[in-house]
Amino acid sequence: MHGNRYDRNDIGSDIDSIHNYYEKLVVELLIQNQATYGISLEAIPDLACVALNRLPPRYIRHDVDMAFYLSPDEYLETEKKVEEAVTEAVEFVKRRKRSESE
């Protein structure tokens, strides 16, 4: 730390390993279901943001940490929440586009 200011270099590259656990799950679900949802690849980042804002933040450093942290029931619940958030995001964006074109 320099004075009272935070400097990334004080922590090192480990700070870059912090991420929201749901990011990968949301993006993978959108890509896997692109045809089903009727979305373009260009729309995936925006849809991911909408879906992620519907989920609670869950920050981790390593994905493997969650494998040990979640019980099988919690993992299934997590998958369900992600699916619901993605579906709601796709529906929300499609509704907005329809209302804008009317």
PDB file of N, CA and C in Angstrom:
ATOM      1  N   MET A   1       0.842  -1.180   0.000  1.00  0.00           N
ATOM      2  CA  MET A   1       0.000   0.000   0.000  1.00  0.00           C
ATOM      3  C   MET A   1       0.883   1.238   0.000  1.00  0.00           C
ATOM      4  N   HIS A   2       0.484   2.207  -0.756  1.00  0.00           N
ATOM      5  CA  HIS A   2       1.234   3.450  -0.850  1.00  0.00           C
ATOM      6  C   HIS A   2       0.447   4.513  -0.113  1.00  0.00           C
ATOM      7  N   GLY A   3       0.921   4.875   1.082  1.00  0.00           N
ATOM      8  CA  GLY A   3       0.147   5.804   1.898  1.00  0.00           C
ATOM      9  C   GLY A   3      -1.164   5.128   2.267  1.00  0.00           C
ATOM     10  N   ASN A   4      -2.262   5.777   1.981  1.00  0.00           N
ATOM     11  CA  ASN A   4      -3.577   5.186   2.221  1.00  0.00           C
ATOM     12  C   ASN A   4      -4.193   4.628   0.950  1.00  0.00           C
ATOM     13  N   ARG A   5      -3.452   4.683  -0.145  1.00  0.00           N
ATOM     14  CA  ARG A   5      -3.982   4.218  -1.429  1.00  0.00           C
ATOM     15  C   ARG A   5      -3.684   2.740  -1.641  1.00  0.00           C
ATOM     16  N   TYR A   6      -4.609   2.076  -2.269  1.00  0.00           N
ATOM     17  CA  TYR A   6      -4.455   0.681  -2.646  1.00  0.00           C
ATOM     18  C   TYR A   6      -3.723   0.598  -3.978  1.00  0.00           C
ATOM     19  N   ASP A   7      -2.797  -0.304  -4.085  1.00  0.00           N
ATOM     20  CA  ASP A   7      -2.082  -0.531  -5.335  1.00  0.00           C
ATOM     21  C   ASP A   7      -2.148  -2.023  -5.646  1.00  0.00           C
ATOM     22  N   ARG A   8      -2.643  -2.356  -6.823  1.00  0.00           N
ATOM     23  CA  ARG A   8      -2.769  -3.764  -7.238  1.00  0.00           C
ATOM     24  C   ARG A   8      -1.454  -4.518  -7.100  1.00  0.00           C
ATOM     25  N   ASN A   9      -0.359  -3.843  -7.332  1.00  0.00           N
ATOM     26  CA  ASN A   9       0.944  -4.511  -7.268  1.00  0.00           C
ATOM     27  C   ASN A   9       1.288  -4.994  -5.871  1.00  0.00           C
ATOM     28  N   ASP A  10       0.642  -4.415  -4.852  1.00  0.00           N
ATOM     29  CA  ASP A  10       0.888  -4.854  -3.482  1.00  0.00           C
ATOM     30  C   ASP A  10       0.364  -6.271  -3.258  1.00  0.00           C
ATOM     31  N   ILE A  11      -0.655  -6.652  -3.998  1.00  0.00           N
ATOM     32  CA  ILE A  11      -1.268  -7.970  -3.832  1.00  0.00           C
ATOM     33  C   ILE A  11      -0.672  -8.984  -4.797  1.00  0.00           C
ATOM     34  N   GLY A  12      -0.290  -8.541  -5.963  1.00  0.00           N
ATOM     35  CA  GLY A  12       0.250  -9.435  -6.965  1.00  0.00           C
ATOM     36  C   GLY A  12      -0.834  -9.944  -7.892  1.00  0.00           C
ATOM     37  N   SER A  13      -0.501 -10.933  -8.672  1.00  0.00           N
ATOM     38  CA  SER A  13      -1.432 -11.430  -9.683  1.00  0.00           C
ATOM     39  C   SER A  13      -2.563 -12.263  -9.087  1.00  0.00           C
ATOM     40  N   ASP A  14      -2.492 -12.633  -7.821  1.00  0.00           N
ATOM     41  CA  ASP A  14      -3.560 -13.425  -7.203  1.00  0.00           C
ATOM     42  C   ASP A  14      -4.902 -12.710  -7.249  1.00  0.00           C
ATOM     43  N   ILE A  15      -4.903 -11.404  -7.270  1.00  0.00           N
ATOM     44  CA  ILE A  15      -6.158 -10.642  -7.311  1.00  0.00           C
ATOM     45  C   ILE A  15      -6.912 -10.934  -8.605  1.00  0.00           C
ATOM     46  N   ASP A  16      -6.203 -11.257  -9.673  1.00  0.00           N
ATOM     47  CA  ASP A  16      -6.830 -11.542 -10.963  1.00  0.00           C
ATOM     48  C   ASP A  16      -7.585 -12.863 -10.971  1.00  0.00           C
ATOM     49  N   SER A  17      -7.348 -13.706  -9.977  1.00  0.00           N
ATOM     50  CA  SER A  17      -8.040 -14.995  -9.938  1.00  0.00           C
ATOM     51  C   SER A  17      -9.446 -14.874  -9.331  1.00  0.00           C
ATOM     52  N   ILE A  18      -9.794 -13.730  -8.768  1.00  0.00           N
ATOM     53  CA  ILE A  18     -11.113 -13.539  -8.172  1.00  0.00           C
ATOM     54  C   ILE A  18     -12.141 -13.350  -9.278  1.00  0.00           C
ATOM     55  N   HIS A  19     -13.235 -14.114  -9.203  1.00  0.00           N
ATOM     56  CA  HIS A  19     -14.309 -13.981 -10.182  1.00  0.00           C
ATOM     57  C   HIS A  19     -15.626 -14.460  -9.591  1.00  0.00           C
ATOM     58  N   ASN A  20     -16.700 -14.092 -10.253  1.00  0.00           N
ATOM     59  CA  ASN A  20     -18.037 -14.503  -9.834  1.00  0.00           C
ATOM     60  C   ASN A  20     -18.262 -15.919 -10.356  1.00  0.00           C
ATOM     61  N   TYR A  21     -18.562 -16.833  -9.471  1.00  0.00           N
ATOM     62  CA  TYR A  21     -18.763 -18.238  -9.816  1.00  0.00           C
ATOM     63  C   TYR A  21     -19.810 -18.416 -10.910  1.00  0.00           C
ATOM     64  N   TYR A  22     -20.842 -17.588 -10.901  1.00  0.00           N
ATOM     65  CA  TYR A  22     -21.941 -17.752 -11.846  1.00  0.00           C
ATOM     66  C   TYR A  22     -21.583 -17.349 -13.282  1.00  0.00           C
ATOM     67  N   GLU A  23     -20.538 -16.548 -13.480  1.00  0.00           N
ATOM     68  CA  GLU A  23     -20.207 -16.057 -14.821  1.00  0.00           C
ATOM     69  C   GLU A  23     -20.032 -17.194 -15.820  1.00  0.00           C
ATOM     70  N   LYS A  24     -19.207 -18.151 -15.495  1.00  0.00           N
ATOM     71  CA  LYS A  24     -18.928 -19.259 -16.407  1.00  0.00           C
ATOM     72  C   LYS A  24     -20.197 -20.074 -16.654  1.00  0.00           C
ATOM     73  N   LEU A  25     -20.971 -20.351 -15.610  1.00  0.00           N
ATOM     74  CA  LEU A  25     -22.194 -21.144 -15.755  1.00  0.00           C
ATOM     75  C   LEU A  25     -23.196 -20.457 -16.671  1.00  0.00           C
ATOM     76  N   VAL A  26     -23.366 -19.153 -16.482  1.00  0.00           N
ATOM     77  CA  VAL A  26     -24.321 -18.384 -17.289  1.00  0.00           C
ATOM     78  C   VAL A  26     -23.892 -18.361 -18.755  1.00  0.00           C
ATOM     79  N   VAL A  27     -22.651 -18.047 -19.024  1.00  0.00           N
ATOM     80  CA  VAL A  27     -22.169 -17.959 -20.404  1.00  0.00           C
ATOM     81  C   VAL A  27     -22.241 -19.325 -21.084  1.00  0.00           C
ATOM     82  N   GLU A  28     -21.844 -20.375 -20.384  1.00  0.00           N
ATOM     83  CA  GLU A  28     -21.913 -21.718 -20.972  1.00  0.00           C
ATOM     84  C   GLU A  28     -23.350 -22.093 -21.315  1.00  0.00           C
ATOM     85  N   LEU A  29     -24.286 -21.789 -20.432  1.00  0.00           N
ATOM     86  CA  LEU A  29     -25.691 -22.108 -20.682  1.00  0.00           C
ATOM     87  C   LEU A  29     -26.214 -21.336 -21.892  1.00  0.00           C
ATOM     88  N   LEU A  30     -25.853 -20.075 -21.998  1.00  0.00           N
ATOM     89  CA  LEU A  30     -26.280 -19.276 -23.149  1.00  0.00           C
ATOM     90  C   LEU A  30     -25.709 -19.835 -24.455  1.00  0.00           C
ATOM     91  N   ILE A  31     -24.446 -20.198 -24.450  1.00  0.00           N
ATOM     92  CA  ILE A  31     -23.815 -20.740 -25.659  1.00  0.00           C
ATOM     93  C   ILE A  31     -24.433 -22.086 -26.030  1.00  0.00           C
ATOM     94  N   GLN A  32     -24.612 -22.955 -25.057  1.00  0.00           N
ATOM     95  CA  GLN A  32     -25.173 -24.283 -25.325  1.00  0.00           C
ATOM     96  C   GLN A  32     -26.600 -24.216 -25.851  1.00  0.00           C
ATOM     97  N   ASN A  33     -27.346 -23.208 -25.448  1.00  0.00           N
ATOM     98  CA  ASN A  33     -28.754 -23.102 -25.817  1.00  0.00           C
ATOM     99  C   ASN A  33     -29.028 -21.956 -26.773  1.00  0.00           C
ATOM    100  N   GLN A  34     -28.003 -21.499 -27.455  1.00  0.00           N
ATOM    101  CA  GLN A  34     -28.137 -20.363 -28.366  1.00  0.00           C
ATOM    102  C   GLN A  34     -29.261 -20.579 -29.371  1.00  0.00           C
ATOM    103  N   ALA A  35     -29.308 -21.737 -29.989  1.00  0.00           N
ATOM    104  CA  ALA A  35     -30.344 -22.021 -30.992  1.00  0.00           C
ATOM    105  C   ALA A  35     -31.720 -22.106 -30.346  1.00  0.00           C
ATOM    106  N   THR A  36     -31.791 -22.750 -29.198  1.00  0.00           N
ATOM    107  CA  THR A  36     -33.069 -22.893 -28.486  1.00  0.00           C
ATOM    108  C   THR A  36     -33.635 -21.532 -28.107  1.00  0.00           C
ATOM    109  N   TYR A  37     -32.763 -20.650 -27.625  1.00  0.00           N
ATOM    110  CA  TYR A  37     -33.198 -19.311 -27.215  1.00  0.00           C
ATOM    111  C   TYR A  37     -33.404 -18.386 -28.413  1.00  0.00           C
ATOM    112  N   GLY A  38     -32.864 -18.765 -29.568  1.00  0.00           N
ATOM    113  CA  GLY A  38     -32.977 -17.911 -30.745  1.00  0.00           C
ATOM    114  C   GLY A  38     -32.189 -16.627 -30.598  1.00  0.00           C
ATOM    115  N   ILE A  39     -30.950 -16.745 -30.093  1.00  0.00           N
ATOM    116  CA  ILE A  39     -30.112 -15.561 -29.860  1.00  0.00           C
ATOM    117  C   ILE A  39     -28.842 -15.645 -30.699  1.00  0.00           C
ATOM    118  N   SER A  40     -28.250 -14.493 -30.956  1.00  0.00           N
ATOM    119  CA  SER A  40     -26.986 -14.448 -31.688  1.00  0.00           C
ATOM    120  C   SER A  40     -25.819 -14.505 -30.704  1.00  0.00           C
ATOM    121  N   LEU A  41     -24.647 -14.859 -31.218  1.00  0.00           N
ATOM    122  CA  LEU A  41     -23.451 -14.859 -30.369  1.00  0.00           C
ATOM    123  C   LEU A  41     -23.160 -13.455 -29.847  1.00  0.00           C
ATOM    124  N   GLU A  42     -23.466 -12.445 -30.662  1.00  0.00           N
ATOM    125  CA  GLU A  42     -23.216 -11.058 -30.258  1.00  0.00           C
ATOM    126  C   GLU A  42     -24.074 -10.645 -29.058  1.00  0.00           C
ATOM    127  N   ALA A  43     -25.227 -11.302 -28.885  1.00  0.00           N
ATOM    128  CA  ALA A  43     -26.135 -10.952 -27.793  1.00  0.00           C
ATOM    129  C   ALA A  43     -25.732 -11.589 -26.467  1.00  0.00           C
ATOM    130  N   ILE A  44     -24.870 -12.585 -26.505  1.00  0.00           N
ATOM    131  CA  ILE A  44     -24.544 -13.342 -25.289  1.00  0.00           C
ATOM    132  C   ILE A  44     -23.944 -12.475 -24.180  1.00  0.00           C
ATOM    133  N   PRO A  45     -22.984 -11.589 -24.448  1.00  0.00           N
ATOM    134  CA  PRO A  45     -22.457 -10.769 -23.342  1.00  0.00           C
ATOM    135  C   PRO A  45     -23.532  -9.918 -22.654  1.00  0.00           C
ATOM    136  N   ASP A  46     -24.423  -9.303 -23.444  1.00  0.00           N
ATOM    137  CA  ASP A  46     -25.490  -8.488 -22.844  1.00  0.00           C
ATOM    138  C   ASP A  46     -26.455  -9.349 -22.048  1.00  0.00           C
ATOM    139  N   LEU A  47     -26.822 -10.497 -22.602  1.00  0.00           N
ATOM    140  CA  LEU A  47     -27.728 -11.406 -21.894  1.00  0.00           C
ATOM    141  C   LEU A  47     -27.080 -11.930 -20.615  1.00  0.00           C
ATOM    142  N   ALA A  48     -25.782 -12.208 -20.672  1.00  0.00           N
ATOM    143  CA  ALA A  48     -25.069 -12.672 -19.481  1.00  0.00           C
ATOM    144  C   ALA A  48     -25.125 -11.616 -18.381  1.00  0.00           C
ATOM    145  N   CYS A  49     -24.947 -10.360 -18.743  1.00  0.00           N
ATOM    146  CA  CYS A  49     -25.019  -9.283 -17.745  1.00  0.00           C
ATOM    147  C   CYS A  49     -26.399  -9.215 -17.101  1.00  0.00           C
ATOM    148  N   VAL A  50     -27.450  -9.310 -17.918  1.00  0.00           N
ATOM    149  CA  VAL A  50     -28.812  -9.263 -17.379  1.00  0.00           C
ATOM    150  C   VAL A  50     -29.035 -10.450 -16.452  1.00  0.00           C
ATOM    151  N   ALA A  51     -28.628 -11.642 -16.871  1.00  0.00           N
ATOM    152  CA  ALA A  51     -28.811 -12.836 -16.041  1.00  0.00           C
ATOM    153  C   ALA A  51     -28.004 -12.746 -14.748  1.00  0.00           C
ATOM    154  N   LEU A  52     -26.755 -12.297 -14.847  1.00  0.00           N
ATOM    155  CA  LEU A  52     -25.906 -12.204 -13.646  1.00  0.00           C
ATOM    156  C   LEU A  52     -26.451 -11.200 -12.639  1.00  0.00           C
ATOM    157  N   ASN A  53     -27.091 -10.154 -13.120  1.00  0.00           N
ATOM    158  CA  ASN A  53     -27.683  -9.174 -12.205  1.00  0.00           C
ATOM    159  C   ASN A  53     -28.917  -9.723 -11.492  1.00  0.00           C
ATOM    160  N   ARG A  54     -29.420 -10.854 -11.940  1.00  0.00           N
ATOM    161  CA  ARG A  54     -30.556 -11.512 -11.291  1.00  0.00           C
ATOM    162  C   ARG A  54     -30.100 -12.561 -10.279  1.00  0.00           C
ATOM    163  N   LEU A  55     -28.813 -12.805 -10.204  1.00  0.00           N
ATOM    164  CA  LEU A  55     -28.258 -13.804  -9.299  1.00  0.00           C
ATOM    165  C   LEU A  55     -27.463 -13.120  -8.187  1.00  0.00           C
ATOM    166  N   PRO A  56     -27.409 -13.748  -7.017  1.00  0.00           N
ATOM    167  CA  PRO A  56     -26.581 -13.160  -5.954  1.00  0.00           C
ATOM    168  C   PRO A  56     -25.100 -13.313  -6.307  1.00  0.00           C
ATOM    169  N   PRO A  57     -24.276 -12.352  -5.945  1.00  0.00           N
ATOM    170  CA  PRO A  57     -22.852 -12.504  -6.234  1.00  0.00           C
ATOM    171  C   PRO A  57     -22.256 -13.637  -5.397  1.00  0.00           C
ATOM    172  N   ARG A  58     -21.374 -14.392  -5.997  1.00  0.00           N
ATOM    173  CA  ARG A  58     -20.685 -15.465  -5.282  1.00  0.00           C
ATOM    174  C   ARG A  58     -19.257 -15.493  -5.810  1.00  0.00           C
ATOM    175  N   TYR A  59     -18.407 -14.741  -5.148  1.00  0.00           N
ATOM    176  CA  TYR A  59     -17.032 -14.596  -5.614  1.00  0.00           C
ATOM    177  C   TYR A  59     -16.137 -15.674  -5.046  1.00  0.00           C
ATOM    178  N   ILE A  60     -15.303 -16.211  -5.924  1.00  0.00           N
ATOM    179  CA  ILE A  60     -14.355 -17.251  -5.556  1.00  0.00           C
ATOM    180  C   ILE A  60     -13.042 -16.977  -6.273  1.00  0.00           C
ATOM    181  N   ARG A  61     -12.009 -17.727  -5.890  1.00  0.00           N
ATOM    182  CA  ARG A  61     -10.728 -17.630  -6.598  1.00  0.00           C
ATOM    183  C   ARG A  61     -10.548 -18.789  -7.562  1.00  0.00           C
ATOM    184  N   HIS A  62     -11.056 -19.953  -7.204  1.00  0.00           N
ATOM    185  CA  HIS A  62     -10.867 -21.143  -8.032  1.00  0.00           C
ATOM    186  C   HIS A  62     -12.193 -21.888  -8.129  1.00  0.00           C
ATOM    187  N   ASP A  63     -12.569 -22.286  -9.346  1.00  0.00           N
ATOM    188  CA  ASP A  63     -13.827 -23.008  -9.533  1.00  0.00           C
ATOM    189  C   ASP A  63     -13.874 -24.293  -8.723  1.00  0.00           C
ATOM    190  N   VAL A  64     -12.729 -24.935  -8.565  1.00  0.00           N
ATOM    191  CA  VAL A  64     -12.692 -26.186  -7.813  1.00  0.00           C
ATOM    192  C   VAL A  64     -13.122 -25.970  -6.354  1.00  0.00           C
ATOM    193  N   ASP A  65     -12.951 -24.741  -5.837  1.00  0.00           N
ATOM    194  CA  ASP A  65     -13.379 -24.443  -4.470  1.00  0.00           C
ATOM    195  C   ASP A  65     -14.872 -24.709  -4.293  1.00  0.00           C
ATOM    196  N   MET A  66     -15.662 -24.377  -5.309  1.00  0.00           N
ATOM    197  CA  MET A  66     -17.105 -24.561  -5.221  1.00  0.00           C
ATOM    198  C   MET A  66     -17.475 -26.037  -5.245  1.00  0.00           C
ATOM    199  N   ALA A  67     -16.697 -26.857  -5.934  1.00  0.00           N
ATOM    200  CA  ALA A  67     -16.973 -28.293  -5.987  1.00  0.00           C
ATOM    201  C   ALA A  67     -16.922 -28.899  -4.584  1.00  0.00           C
ATOM    202  N   PHE A  68     -16.039 -28.399  -3.756  1.00  0.00           N
ATOM    203  CA  PHE A  68     -15.922 -28.904  -2.398  1.00  0.00           C
ATOM    204  C   PHE A  68     -16.898 -28.225  -1.447  1.00  0.00           C
ATOM    205  N   TYR A  69     -17.294 -27.007  -1.782  1.00  0.00           N
ATOM    206  CA  TYR A  69     -18.155 -26.211  -0.909  1.00  0.00           C
ATOM    207  C   TYR A  69     -19.628 -26.611  -1.013  1.00  0.00           C
ATOM    208  N   LEU A  70     -20.095 -26.929  -2.217  1.00  0.00           N
ATOM    209  CA  LEU A  70     -21.512 -27.210  -2.431  1.00  0.00           C
ATOM    210  C   LEU A  70     -21.838 -28.693  -2.276  1.00  0.00           C
ATOM    211  N   SER A  71     -22.936 -28.967  -1.588  1.00  0.00           N
ATOM    212  CA  SER A  71     -23.453 -30.331  -1.540  1.00  0.00           C
ATOM    213  C   SER A  71     -24.120 -30.626  -2.880  1.00  0.00           C
ATOM    214  N   PRO A  72     -24.395 -31.888  -3.192  1.00  0.00           N
ATOM    215  CA  PRO A  72     -25.093 -32.198  -4.455  1.00  0.00           C
ATOM    216  C   PRO A  72     -26.432 -31.459  -4.582  1.00  0.00           C
ATOM    217  N   ASP A  73     -27.175 -31.345  -3.496  1.00  0.00           N
ATOM    218  CA  ASP A  73     -28.455 -30.628  -3.540  1.00  0.00           C
ATOM    219  C   ASP A  73     -28.250 -29.142  -3.810  1.00  0.00           C
ATOM    220  N   GLU A  74     -27.230 -28.556  -3.185  1.00  0.00           N
ATOM    221  CA  GLU A  74     -26.937 -27.140  -3.417  1.00  0.00           C
ATOM    222  C   GLU A  74     -26.487 -26.902  -4.853  1.00  0.00           C
ATOM    223  N   TYR A  75     -25.740 -27.842  -5.411  1.00  0.00           N
ATOM    224  CA  TYR A  75     -25.302 -27.699  -6.798  1.00  0.00           C
ATOM    225  C   TYR A  75     -26.502 -27.727  -7.735  1.00  0.00           C
ATOM    226  N   LEU A  76     -27.441 -28.650  -7.503  1.00  0.00           N
ATOM    227  CA  LEU A  76     -28.650 -28.710  -8.331  1.00  0.00           C
ATOM    228  C   LEU A  76     -29.463 -27.435  -8.206  1.00  0.00           C
ATOM    229  N   GLU A  77     -29.548 -26.895  -6.995  1.00  0.00           N
ATOM    230  CA  GLU A  77     -30.269 -25.634  -6.779  1.00  0.00           C
ATOM    231  C   GLU A  77     -29.572 -24.490  -7.508  1.00  0.00           C
ATOM    232  N   THR A  78     -28.250 -24.484  -7.488  1.00  0.00           N
ATOM    233  CA  THR A  78     -27.482 -23.469  -8.200  1.00  0.00           C
ATOM    234  C   THR A  78     -27.761 -23.546  -9.697  1.00  0.00           C
ATOM    235  N   GLU A  79     -27.751 -24.752 -10.253  1.00  0.00           N
ATOM    236  CA  GLU A  79     -28.048 -24.927 -11.678  1.00  0.00           C
ATOM    237  C   GLU A  79     -29.451 -24.416 -12.007  1.00  0.00           C
ATOM    238  N   LYS A  80     -30.397 -24.702 -11.130  1.00  0.00           N
ATOM    239  CA  LYS A  80     -31.783 -24.261 -11.343  1.00  0.00           C
ATOM    240  C   LYS A  80     -31.865 -22.735 -11.340  1.00  0.00           C
ATOM    241  N   LYS A  81     -31.186 -22.098 -10.380  1.00  0.00           N
ATOM    242  CA  LYS A  81     -31.187 -20.629 -10.309  1.00  0.00           C
ATOM    243  C   LYS A  81     -30.572 -20.013 -11.564  1.00  0.00           C
ATOM    244  N   VAL A  82     -29.501 -20.609 -12.051  1.00  0.00           N
ATOM    245  CA  VAL A  82     -28.844 -20.104 -13.250  1.00  0.00           C
ATOM    246  C   VAL A  82     -29.779 -20.242 -14.453  1.00  0.00           C
ATOM    247  N   GLU A  83     -30.410 -21.398 -14.596  1.00  0.00           N
ATOM    248  CA  GLU A  83     -31.344 -21.609 -15.705  1.00  0.00           C
ATOM    249  C   GLU A  83     -32.495 -20.603 -15.656  1.00  0.00           C
ATOM    250  N   GLU A  84     -33.029 -20.359 -14.464  1.00  0.00           N
ATOM    251  CA  GLU A  84     -34.125 -19.390 -14.323  1.00  0.00           C
ATOM    252  C   GLU A  84     -33.659 -17.982 -14.676  1.00  0.00           C
ATOM    253  N   ALA A  85     -32.480 -17.601 -14.203  1.00  0.00           N
ATOM    254  CA  ALA A  85     -31.963 -16.253 -14.476  1.00  0.00           C
ATOM    255  C   ALA A  85     -31.709 -16.064 -15.960  1.00  0.00           C
ATOM    256  N   VAL A  86     -31.175 -17.069 -16.624  1.00  0.00           N
ATOM    257  CA  VAL A  86     -30.898 -16.972 -18.057  1.00  0.00           C
ATOM    258  C   VAL A  86     -32.204 -16.896 -18.838  1.00  0.00           C
ATOM    259  N   THR A  87     -33.158 -17.747 -18.499  1.00  0.00           N
ATOM    260  CA  THR A  87     -34.455 -17.724 -19.189  1.00  0.00           C
ATOM    261  C   THR A  87     -35.131 -16.378 -19.021  1.00  0.00           C
ATOM    262  N   GLU A  88     -35.118 -15.846 -17.804  1.00  0.00           N
ATOM    263  CA  GLU A  88     -35.719 -14.532 -17.554  1.00  0.00           C
ATOM    264  C   GLU A  88     -34.994 -13.437 -18.329  1.00  0.00           C
ATOM    265  N   ALA A  89     -33.673 -13.524 -18.420  1.00  0.00           N
ATOM    266  CA  ALA A  89     -32.896 -12.521 -19.149  1.00  0.00           C
ATOM    267  C   ALA A  89     -33.243 -12.544 -20.636  1.00  0.00           C
ATOM    268  N   VAL A  90     -33.330 -13.732 -21.213  1.00  0.00           N
ATOM    269  CA  VAL A  90     -33.666 -13.855 -22.631  1.00  0.00           C
ATOM    270  C   VAL A  90     -35.063 -13.296 -22.881  1.00  0.00           C
ATOM    271  N   GLU A  91     -36.014 -13.662 -22.031  1.00  0.00           N
ATOM    272  CA  GLU A  91     -37.387 -13.165 -22.192  1.00  0.00           C
ATOM    273  C   GLU A  91     -37.446 -11.649 -22.041  1.00  0.00           C
ATOM    274  N   PHE A  92     -36.715 -11.112 -21.076  1.00  0.00           N
ATOM    275  CA  PHE A  92     -36.682  -9.671 -20.833  1.00  0.00           C
ATOM    276  C   PHE A  92     -36.159  -8.922 -22.058  1.00  0.00           C
ATOM    277  N   VAL A  93     -35.054  -9.386 -22.592  1.00  0.00           N
ATOM    278  CA  VAL A  93     -34.443  -8.717 -23.742  1.00  0.00           C
ATOM    279  C   VAL A  93     -35.351  -8.827 -24.964  1.00  0.00           C
ATOM    280  N   LYS A  94     -35.959  -9.976 -25.177  1.00  0.00           N
ATOM    281  CA  LYS A  94     -36.865 -10.138 -26.316  1.00  0.00           C
ATOM    282  C   LYS A  94     -38.088  -9.231 -26.181  1.00  0.00           C
ATOM    283  N   ARG A  95     -38.632  -9.105 -24.965  1.00  0.00           N
ATOM    284  CA  ARG A  95     -39.767  -8.193 -24.743  1.00  0.00           C
ATOM    285  C   ARG A  95     -39.374  -6.761 -25.042  1.00  0.00           C
ATOM    286  N   ARG A  96     -38.204  -6.347 -24.605  1.00  0.00           N
ATOM    287  CA  ARG A  96     -37.738  -4.974 -24.844  1.00  0.00           C
ATOM    288  C   ARG A  96     -37.577  -4.701 -26.336  1.00  0.00           C
ATOM    289  N   LYS A  97     -37.025  -5.651 -27.039  1.00  0.00           N
ATOM    290  CA  LYS A  97     -36.823  -5.482 -28.485  1.00  0.00           C
ATOM    291  C   LYS A  97     -38.166  -5.377 -29.206  1.00  0.00           C
ATOM    292  N   ARG A  98     -39.142  -6.197 -28.787  1.00  0.00           N
ATOM    293  CA  ARG A  98     -40.469  -6.140 -29.404  1.00  0.00           C
ATOM    294  C   ARG A  98     -41.121  -4.793 -29.148  1.00  0.00           C
ATOM    295  N   SER A  99     -41.028  -4.306 -27.911  1.00  0.00           N
ATOM    296  CA  SER A  99     -41.680  -3.026 -27.582  1.00  0.00           C
ATOM    297  C   SER A  99     -40.986  -1.866 -28.285  1.00  0.00           C
ATOM    298  N   GLU A 100     -39.693  -1.957 -28.510  1.00  0.00           N
ATOM    299  CA  GLU A 100     -38.970  -0.901 -29.217  1.00  0.00           C
ATOM    300  C   GLU A 100     -39.319  -0.873 -30.703  1.00  0.00           C
ATOM    301  N   SER A 101     -39.654  -2.032 -31.262  1.00  0.00           N
ATOM    302  CA  SER A 101     -39.952  -2.088 -32.694  1.00  0.00           C
ATOM    303  C   SER A 101     -41.422  -1.750 -32.997  1.00  0.00           C
ATOM    304  N   GLU A 102     -42.241  -1.637 -31.979  1.00  0.00           N
ATOM    305  CA  GLU A 102     -43.662  -1.298 -32.196  1.00  0.00           C
ATOM    306  C   GLU A 102     -43.879   0.187 -32.294  1.00  0.00           C
TER     307      GLU A 102
END
